[in-house]
Amino acid sequence: MAEEFGPGRAEVLAKDHVLSGLGGCTVDQALAAGIPAKEIWREVCVAFDVPAERR
């Protein structure tokens, strides 16, 4: 996430942005719940329209 959004913004997004595709969890909550990082990244990409070549 830091590579895509920059380190500061990535940290804020991981802590504060709720992703509906993860059942209403933030990235940090999803990681703590044991959801695989690849699955989380896919949801982040969908939520923020990350181009396919950077996914």
PDB file of N, CA and C in Angstrom:
ATOM      1  N   MET A   1       0.821  -1.182   0.000  1.00  0.00           N
ATOM      2  CA  MET A   1       0.000   0.000   0.000  1.00  0.00           C
ATOM      3  C   MET A   1       0.869   1.251   0.000  1.00  0.00           C
ATOM      4  N   ALA A   2       1.970   1.206   0.704  1.00  0.00           N
ATOM      5  CA  ALA A   2       2.848   2.377   0.756  1.00  0.00           C
ATOM      6  C   ALA A   2       3.368   2.735  -0.622  1.00  0.00           C
ATOM      7  N   GLU A   3       3.648   1.723  -1.429  1.00  0.00           N
ATOM      8  CA  GLU A   3       4.145   1.976  -2.782  1.00  0.00           C
ATOM      9  C   GLU A   3       3.078   2.647  -3.640  1.00  0.00           C
ATOM     10  N   GLU A   4       1.851   2.259  -3.473  1.00  0.00           N
ATOM     11  CA  GLU A   4       0.752   2.805  -4.286  1.00  0.00           C
ATOM     12  C   GLU A   4       0.284   4.169  -3.782  1.00  0.00           C
ATOM     13  N   PHE A   5       0.147   4.325  -2.468  1.00  0.00           N
ATOM     14  CA  PHE A   5      -0.477   5.527  -1.909  1.00  0.00           C
ATOM     15  C   PHE A   5       0.480   6.457  -1.184  1.00  0.00           C
ATOM     16  N   GLY A   6       1.724   6.021  -0.998  1.00  0.00           N
ATOM     17  CA  GLY A   6       2.662   6.785  -0.177  1.00  0.00           C
ATOM     18  C   GLY A   6       2.559   6.303   1.260  1.00  0.00           C
ATOM     19  N   PRO A   7       3.662   6.353   2.013  1.00  0.00           N
ATOM     20  CA  PRO A   7       3.664   5.757   3.356  1.00  0.00           C
ATOM     21  C   PRO A   7       2.658   6.376   4.328  1.00  0.00           C
ATOM     22  N   GLY A   8       2.549   7.684   4.342  1.00  0.00           N
ATOM     23  CA  GLY A   8       1.624   8.326   5.280  1.00  0.00           C
ATOM     24  C   GLY A   8       0.173   8.022   4.977  1.00  0.00           C
ATOM     25  N   ARG A   9      -0.203   8.172   3.720  1.00  0.00           N
ATOM     26  CA  ARG A   9      -1.598   7.916   3.337  1.00  0.00           C
ATOM     27  C   ARG A   9      -1.941   6.437   3.510  1.00  0.00           C
ATOM     28  N   ALA A  10      -1.019   5.557   3.180  1.00  0.00           N
ATOM     29  CA  ALA A  10      -1.269   4.123   3.334  1.00  0.00           C
ATOM     30  C   ALA A  10      -1.566   3.781   4.788  1.00  0.00           C
ATOM     31  N   GLU A  11      -0.819   4.368   5.697  1.00  0.00           N
ATOM     32  CA  GLU A  11      -1.036   4.101   7.125  1.00  0.00           C
ATOM     33  C   GLU A  11      -2.420   4.574   7.566  1.00  0.00           C
ATOM     34  N   VAL A  12      -2.815   5.745   7.118  1.00  0.00           N
ATOM     35  CA  VAL A  12      -4.137   6.282   7.476  1.00  0.00           C
ATOM     36  C   VAL A  12      -5.239   5.433   6.866  1.00  0.00           C
ATOM     37  N   LEU A  13      -5.091   5.055   5.595  1.00  0.00           N
ATOM     38  CA  LEU A  13      -6.104   4.227   4.948  1.00  0.00           C
ATOM     39  C   LEU A  13      -6.254   2.885   5.654  1.00  0.00           C
ATOM     40  N   ALA A  14      -5.136   2.275   6.012  1.00  0.00           N
ATOM     41  CA  ALA A  14      -5.171   0.963   6.671  1.00  0.00           C
ATOM     42  C   ALA A  14      -5.888   1.034   8.015  1.00  0.00           C
ATOM     43  N   LYS A  15      -5.745   2.153   8.675  1.00  0.00           N
ATOM     44  CA  LYS A  15      -6.324   2.301  10.015  1.00  0.00           C
ATOM     45  C   LYS A  15      -7.775   2.771   9.977  1.00  0.00           C
ATOM     46  N   ASP A  16      -8.114   3.636   9.009  1.00  0.00           N
ATOM     47  CA  ASP A  16      -9.398   4.333   9.066  1.00  0.00           C
ATOM     48  C   ASP A  16     -10.421   3.985   7.986  1.00  0.00           C
ATOM     49  N   HIS A  17      -9.984   3.542   6.817  1.00  0.00           N
ATOM     50  CA  HIS A  17     -10.928   3.329   5.719  1.00  0.00           C
ATOM     51  C   HIS A  17     -11.600   1.960   5.836  1.00  0.00           C
ATOM     52  N   VAL A  18     -12.909   1.979   5.944  1.00  0.00           N
ATOM     53  CA  VAL A  18     -13.696   0.743   6.047  1.00  0.00           C
ATOM     54  C   VAL A  18     -13.996   0.238   4.641  1.00  0.00           C
ATOM     55  N   LEU A  19     -13.713  -1.037   4.410  1.00  0.00           N
ATOM     56  CA  LEU A  19     -13.920  -1.660   3.108  1.00  0.00           C
ATOM     57  C   LEU A  19     -15.122  -2.591   3.164  1.00  0.00           C
ATOM     58  N   SER A  20     -16.146  -2.280   2.393  1.00  0.00           N
ATOM     59  CA  SER A  20     -17.352  -3.113   2.405  1.00  0.00           C
ATOM     60  C   SER A  20     -17.057  -4.525   1.930  1.00  0.00           C
ATOM     61  N   GLY A  21     -16.101  -4.675   1.014  1.00  0.00           N
ATOM     62  CA  GLY A  21     -15.733  -5.991   0.507  1.00  0.00           C
ATOM     63  C   GLY A  21     -15.074  -6.883   1.541  1.00  0.00           C
ATOM     64  N   LEU A  22     -14.673  -6.278   2.654  1.00  0.00           N
ATOM     65  CA  LEU A  22     -14.083  -7.041   3.770  1.00  0.00           C
ATOM     66  C   LEU A  22     -15.041  -7.108   4.941  1.00  0.00           C
ATOM     67  N   GLY A  23     -16.328  -6.990   4.656  1.00  0.00           N
ATOM     68  CA  GLY A  23     -17.323  -7.091   5.716  1.00  0.00           C
ATOM     69  C   GLY A  23     -17.350  -5.886   6.640  1.00  0.00           C
ATOM     70  N   GLY A  24     -16.937  -4.737   6.134  1.00  0.00           N
ATOM     71  CA  GLY A  24     -16.959  -3.530   6.948  1.00  0.00           C
ATOM     72  C   GLY A  24     -15.754  -3.368   7.848  1.00  0.00           C
ATOM     73  N   CYS A  25     -14.671  -4.041   7.523  1.00  0.00           N
ATOM     74  CA  CYS A  25     -13.428  -3.942   8.300  1.00  0.00           C
ATOM     75  C   CYS A  25     -12.472  -2.974   7.632  1.00  0.00           C
ATOM     76  N   THR A  26     -11.557  -2.448   8.426  1.00  0.00           N
ATOM     77  CA  THR A  26     -10.425  -1.718   7.875  1.00  0.00           C
ATOM     78  C   THR A  26      -9.357  -2.735   7.481  1.00  0.00           C
ATOM     79  N   VAL A  27      -8.329  -2.281   6.792  1.00  0.00           N
ATOM     80  CA  VAL A  27      -7.218  -3.168   6.438  1.00  0.00           C
ATOM     81  C   VAL A  27      -6.589  -3.731   7.714  1.00  0.00           C
ATOM     82  N   ASP A  28      -6.336  -2.876   8.691  1.00  0.00           N
ATOM     83  CA  ASP A  28      -5.720  -3.341   9.935  1.00  0.00           C
ATOM     84  C   ASP A  28      -6.580  -4.391  10.642  1.00  0.00           C
ATOM     85  N   GLN A  29      -7.878  -4.166  10.683  1.00  0.00           N
ATOM     86  CA  GLN A  29      -8.777  -5.133  11.319  1.00  0.00           C
ATOM     87  C   GLN A  29      -8.803  -6.450  10.555  1.00  0.00           C
ATOM     88  N   ALA A  30      -8.806  -6.357   9.232  1.00  0.00           N
ATOM     89  CA  ALA A  30      -8.824  -7.561   8.409  1.00  0.00           C
ATOM     90  C   ALA A  30      -7.547  -8.381   8.607  1.00  0.00           C
ATOM     91  N   LEU A  31      -6.406  -7.708   8.656  1.00  0.00           N
ATOM     92  CA  LEU A  31      -5.147  -8.415   8.906  1.00  0.00           C
ATOM     93  C   LEU A  31      -5.168  -9.083  10.278  1.00  0.00           C
ATOM     94  N   ALA A  32      -5.653  -8.366  11.278  1.00  0.00           N
ATOM     95  CA  ALA A  32      -5.728  -8.919  12.634  1.00  0.00           C
ATOM     96  C   ALA A  32      -6.676 -10.116  12.699  1.00  0.00           C
ATOM     97  N   ALA A  33      -7.689 -10.126  11.831  1.00  0.00           N
ATOM     98  CA  ALA A  33      -8.656 -11.227  11.794  1.00  0.00           C
ATOM     99  C   ALA A  33      -8.136 -12.422  11.002  1.00  0.00           C
ATOM    100  N   GLY A  34      -6.967 -12.269  10.390  1.00  0.00           N
ATOM    101  CA  GLY A  34      -6.382 -13.387   9.655  1.00  0.00           C
ATOM    102  C   GLY A  34      -6.755 -13.471   8.190  1.00  0.00           C
ATOM    103  N   ILE A  35      -7.361 -12.429   7.657  1.00  0.00           N
ATOM    104  CA  ILE A  35      -7.685 -12.430   6.230  1.00  0.00           C
ATOM    105  C   ILE A  35      -6.373 -12.296   5.461  1.00  0.00           C
ATOM    106  N   PRO A  36      -6.152 -13.119   4.449  1.00  0.00           N
ATOM    107  CA  PRO A  36      -4.900 -13.065   3.698  1.00  0.00           C
ATOM    108  C   PRO A  36      -4.650 -11.686   3.070  1.00  0.00           C
ATOM    109  N   ALA A  37      -3.398 -11.261   3.106  1.00  0.00           N
ATOM    110  CA  ALA A  37      -3.029  -9.948   2.591  1.00  0.00           C
ATOM    111  C   ALA A  37      -3.398  -9.777   1.113  1.00  0.00           C
ATOM    112  N   LYS A  38      -3.275 -10.826   0.315  1.00  0.00           N
ATOM    113  CA  LYS A  38      -3.631 -10.735  -1.105  1.00  0.00           C
ATOM    114  C   LYS A  38      -5.114 -10.423  -1.285  1.00  0.00           C
ATOM    115  N   GLU A  39      -5.941 -11.040  -0.468  1.00  0.00           N
ATOM    116  CA  GLU A  39      -7.385 -10.784  -0.532  1.00  0.00           C
ATOM    117  C   GLU A  39      -7.688  -9.334  -0.132  1.00  0.00           C
ATOM    118  N   ILE A  40      -7.016  -8.864   0.888  1.00  0.00           N
ATOM    119  CA  ILE A  40      -7.203  -7.480   1.335  1.00  0.00           C
ATOM    120  C   ILE A  40      -6.761  -6.522   0.234  1.00  0.00           C
ATOM    121  N   TRP A  41      -5.589  -6.776  -0.354  1.00  0.00           N
ATOM    122  CA  TRP A  41      -5.085  -5.908  -1.411  1.00  0.00           C
ATOM    123  C   TRP A  41      -6.055  -5.848  -2.580  1.00  0.00           C
ATOM    124  N   ARG A  42      -6.655  -6.974  -2.947  1.00  0.00           N
ATOM    125  CA  ARG A  42      -7.649  -6.977  -4.031  1.00  0.00           C
ATOM    126  C   ARG A  42      -8.798  -6.032  -3.707  1.00  0.00           C
ATOM    127  N   GLU A  43      -9.260  -6.062  -2.473  1.00  0.00           N
ATOM    128  CA  GLU A  43     -10.367  -5.188  -2.072  1.00  0.00           C
ATOM    129  C   GLU A  43      -9.948  -3.718  -2.065  1.00  0.00           C
ATOM    130  N   VAL A  44      -8.728  -3.448  -1.636  1.00  0.00           N
ATOM    131  CA  VAL A  44      -8.217  -2.077  -1.667  1.00  0.00           C
ATOM    132  C   VAL A  44      -8.168  -1.586  -3.117  1.00  0.00           C
ATOM    133  N   CYS A  45      -7.697  -2.428  -4.012  1.00  0.00           N
ATOM    134  CA  CYS A  45      -7.604  -2.068  -5.424  1.00  0.00           C
ATOM    135  C   CYS A  45      -8.964  -1.741  -6.014  1.00  0.00           C
ATOM    136  N   VAL A  46      -9.962  -2.514  -5.658  1.00  0.00           N
ATOM    137  CA  VAL A  46     -11.319  -2.259  -6.138  1.00  0.00           C
ATOM    138  C   VAL A  46     -11.827  -0.926  -5.568  1.00  0.00           C
ATOM    139  N   ALA A  47     -11.653  -0.730  -4.279  1.00  0.00           N
ATOM    140  CA  ALA A  47     -12.172   0.470  -3.620  1.00  0.00           C
ATOM    141  C   ALA A  47     -11.539   1.753  -4.148  1.00  0.00           C
ATOM    142  N   PHE A  48     -10.278   1.685  -4.528  1.00  0.00           N
ATOM    143  CA  PHE A  48      -9.558   2.882  -4.951  1.00  0.00           C
ATOM    144  C   PHE A  48      -9.208   2.886  -6.437  1.00  0.00           C
ATOM    145  N   ASP A  49      -9.845   2.011  -7.203  1.00  0.00           N
ATOM    146  CA  ASP A  49      -9.640   1.951  -8.655  1.00  0.00           C
ATOM    147  C   ASP A  49      -8.166   1.918  -9.049  1.00  0.00           C
ATOM    148  N   VAL A  50      -7.408   1.061  -8.377  1.00  0.00           N
ATOM    149  CA  VAL A  50      -5.991   0.887  -8.728  1.00  0.00           C
ATOM    150  C   VAL A  50      -5.942   0.174 -10.079  1.00  0.00           C
ATOM    151  N   PRO A  51      -5.211   0.749 -11.038  1.00  0.00           N
ATOM    152  CA  PRO A  51      -5.136   0.116 -12.363  1.00  0.00           C
ATOM    153  C   PRO A  51      -4.596  -1.310 -12.299  1.00  0.00           C
ATOM    154  N   ALA A  52      -5.076  -2.140 -13.177  1.00  0.00           N
ATOM    155  CA  ALA A  52      -4.721  -3.564 -13.180  1.00  0.00           C
ATOM    156  C   ALA A  52      -3.210  -3.801 -13.216  1.00  0.00           C
ATOM    157  N   GLU A  53      -2.479  -2.959 -13.932  1.00  0.00           N
ATOM    158  CA  GLU A  53      -1.028  -3.175 -14.030  1.00  0.00           C
ATOM    159  C   GLU A  53      -0.290  -2.907 -12.724  1.00  0.00           C
ATOM    160  N   ARG A  54      -0.970  -2.283 -11.749  1.00  0.00           N
ATOM    161  CA  ARG A  54      -0.315  -2.017 -10.455  1.00  0.00           C
ATOM    162  C   ARG A  54      -0.907  -2.869  -9.335  1.00  0.00           C
ATOM    163  N   ARG A  55      -1.741  -3.831  -9.695  1.00  0.00           N
ATOM    164  CA  ARG A  55      -2.360  -4.668  -8.653  1.00  0.00           C
ATOM    165  C   ARG A  55      -1.495  -5.800  -8.256  1.00  0.00           C
TER     166      ARG A  55
END
